[in-house]
Amino acid sequence: MDRFAQGLPDSQEQPEIPVDECANDACQRQMYFGDKAWRYEGDLYCCGKCLAEAMGATKLTIKQSEV
């Protein structure tokens, strides 16, 4: 049998195994190979919003008196 007769294994048949989960306790979304992520102090976050929340950042509207 020729080495190309069988073909490559179908990657969709193999279950995806999560690499890590988002370090934001409020999210904890599973992350897989190929996903984009944010790294901060050794932890992985699934998005910038989760990273900002974990750092304690708050969203606000700047008023003229604050500038």
C-alpha atoms as a PDB file:
ATOM      1  CA  MET A   1       0.000   0.000   0.000  1.00  0.00           C
ATOM      2  CA  ASP A   2       1.292   3.426  -0.962  1.00  0.00           C
ATOM      3  CA  ARG A   3       1.770   5.930   1.906  1.00  0.00           C
ATOM      4  CA  PHE A   4      -0.718   8.365   0.349  1.00  0.00           C
ATOM      5  CA  ALA A   5      -3.497   5.804  -0.171  1.00  0.00           C
ATOM      6  CA  GLN A   6      -5.024   6.306   3.276  1.00  0.00           C
ATOM      7  CA  GLY A   7      -4.644  10.099   3.585  1.00  0.00           C
ATOM      8  CA  LEU A   8      -4.294  12.245   6.662  1.00  0.00           C
ATOM      9  CA  PRO A   9      -6.478  11.729   9.739  1.00  0.00           C
ATOM     10  CA  ASP A  10      -9.525  13.990   9.897  1.00  0.00           C
ATOM     11  CA  SER A  11      -8.782  16.662  12.516  1.00  0.00           C
ATOM     12  CA  GLN A  12     -12.517  17.125  13.149  1.00  0.00           C
ATOM     13  CA  GLU A  13     -12.816  13.565  14.451  1.00  0.00           C
ATOM     14  CA  GLN A  14     -10.448  14.255  17.332  1.00  0.00           C
ATOM     15  CA  PRO A  15     -11.987  16.124  20.283  1.00  0.00           C
ATOM     16  CA  GLU A  16     -10.362  19.458  21.048  1.00  0.00           C
ATOM     17  CA  ILE A  17      -8.611  19.554  24.391  1.00  0.00           C
ATOM     18  CA  PRO A  18      -8.599  22.921  26.193  1.00  0.00           C
ATOM     19  CA  VAL A  19      -5.140  24.381  26.761  1.00  0.00           C
ATOM     20  CA  ASP A  20      -6.155  26.639  29.651  1.00  0.00           C
ATOM     21  CA  GLU A  21      -9.041  28.714  30.938  1.00  0.00           C
ATOM     22  CA  CYS A  22      -9.386  32.456  31.301  1.00  0.00           C
ATOM     23  CA  ALA A  23      -7.766  33.591  34.557  1.00  0.00           C
ATOM     24  CA  ASN A  24     -10.624  36.050  35.208  1.00  0.00           C
ATOM     25  CA  ASP A  25     -12.681  34.334  37.930  1.00  0.00           C
ATOM     26  CA  ALA A  26     -15.888  35.847  36.537  1.00  0.00           C
ATOM     27  CA  CYS A  27     -15.280  34.279  33.085  1.00  0.00           C
ATOM     28  CA  GLN A  28     -13.164  31.085  33.161  1.00  0.00           C
ATOM     29  CA  ARG A  29     -13.821  30.456  29.437  1.00  0.00           C
ATOM     30  CA  GLN A  30     -11.978  27.435  27.996  1.00  0.00           C
ATOM     31  CA  MET A  31      -9.161  28.358  25.590  1.00  0.00           C
ATOM     32  CA  TYR A  32      -7.874  26.120  22.779  1.00  0.00           C
ATOM     33  CA  PHE A  33      -4.854  26.025  20.457  1.00  0.00           C
ATOM     34  CA  GLY A  34      -5.207  28.816  17.898  1.00  0.00           C
ATOM     35  CA  ASP A  35      -7.267  31.105  20.151  1.00  0.00           C
ATOM     36  CA  LYS A  36      -5.994  34.640  20.653  1.00  0.00           C
ATOM     37  CA  ALA A  37      -5.302  35.496  24.284  1.00  0.00           C
ATOM     38  CA  TRP A  38      -3.770  38.130  26.539  1.00  0.00           C
ATOM     39  CA  ARG A  39      -0.947  37.207  28.950  1.00  0.00           C
ATOM     40  CA  TYR A  40      -0.321  39.220  32.115  1.00  0.00           C
ATOM     41  CA  GLU A  41       2.023  38.108  34.907  1.00  0.00           C
ATOM     42  CA  GLY A  42       1.912  34.504  33.704  1.00  0.00           C
ATOM     43  CA  ASP A  43      -1.902  34.280  33.495  1.00  0.00           C
ATOM     44  CA  LEU A  44      -3.906  33.969  30.264  1.00  0.00           C
ATOM     45  CA  TYR A  45      -7.066  35.981  29.582  1.00  0.00           C
ATOM     46  CA  CYS A  46      -9.497  35.330  26.721  1.00  0.00           C
ATOM     47  CA  CYS A  47      -9.975  39.030  25.914  1.00  0.00           C
ATOM     48  CA  GLY A  48      -8.852  42.515  26.864  1.00  0.00           C
ATOM     49  CA  LYS A  49     -12.054  43.077  28.855  1.00  0.00           C
ATOM     50  CA  CYS A  50     -11.306  40.093  31.116  1.00  0.00           C
ATOM     51  CA  LEU A  51      -7.731  41.277  31.593  1.00  0.00           C
ATOM     52  CA  ALA A  52      -8.892  44.787  32.515  1.00  0.00           C
ATOM     53  CA  GLU A  53     -11.483  43.428  34.976  1.00  0.00           C
ATOM     54  CA  ALA A  54      -8.895  41.188  36.641  1.00  0.00           C
ATOM     55  CA  MET A  55      -6.545  44.166  37.019  1.00  0.00           C
ATOM     56  CA  GLY A  56      -9.329  46.169  38.696  1.00  0.00           C
ATOM     57  CA  ALA A  57      -9.796  48.651  35.851  1.00  0.00           C
ATOM     58  CA  THR A  58     -13.102  50.511  35.715  1.00  0.00           C
ATOM     59  CA  LYS A  59     -14.909  52.064  32.781  1.00  0.00           C
ATOM     60  CA  LEU A  60     -15.835  55.726  33.119  1.00  0.00           C
ATOM     61  CA  THR A  61     -16.697  58.840  31.171  1.00  0.00           C
ATOM     62  CA  ILE A  62     -14.136  61.638  31.425  1.00  0.00           C
ATOM     63  CA  LYS A  63     -15.647  64.920  32.454  1.00  0.00           C
ATOM     64  CA  GLN A  64     -14.057  68.274  31.703  1.00  0.00           C
ATOM     65  CA  SER A  65     -13.131  68.852  35.349  1.00  0.00           C
ATOM     66  CA  GLU A  66     -11.070  65.601  35.459  1.00  0.00           C
ATOM     67  CA  VAL A  67      -8.699  66.588  32.638  1.00  0.00           C
END
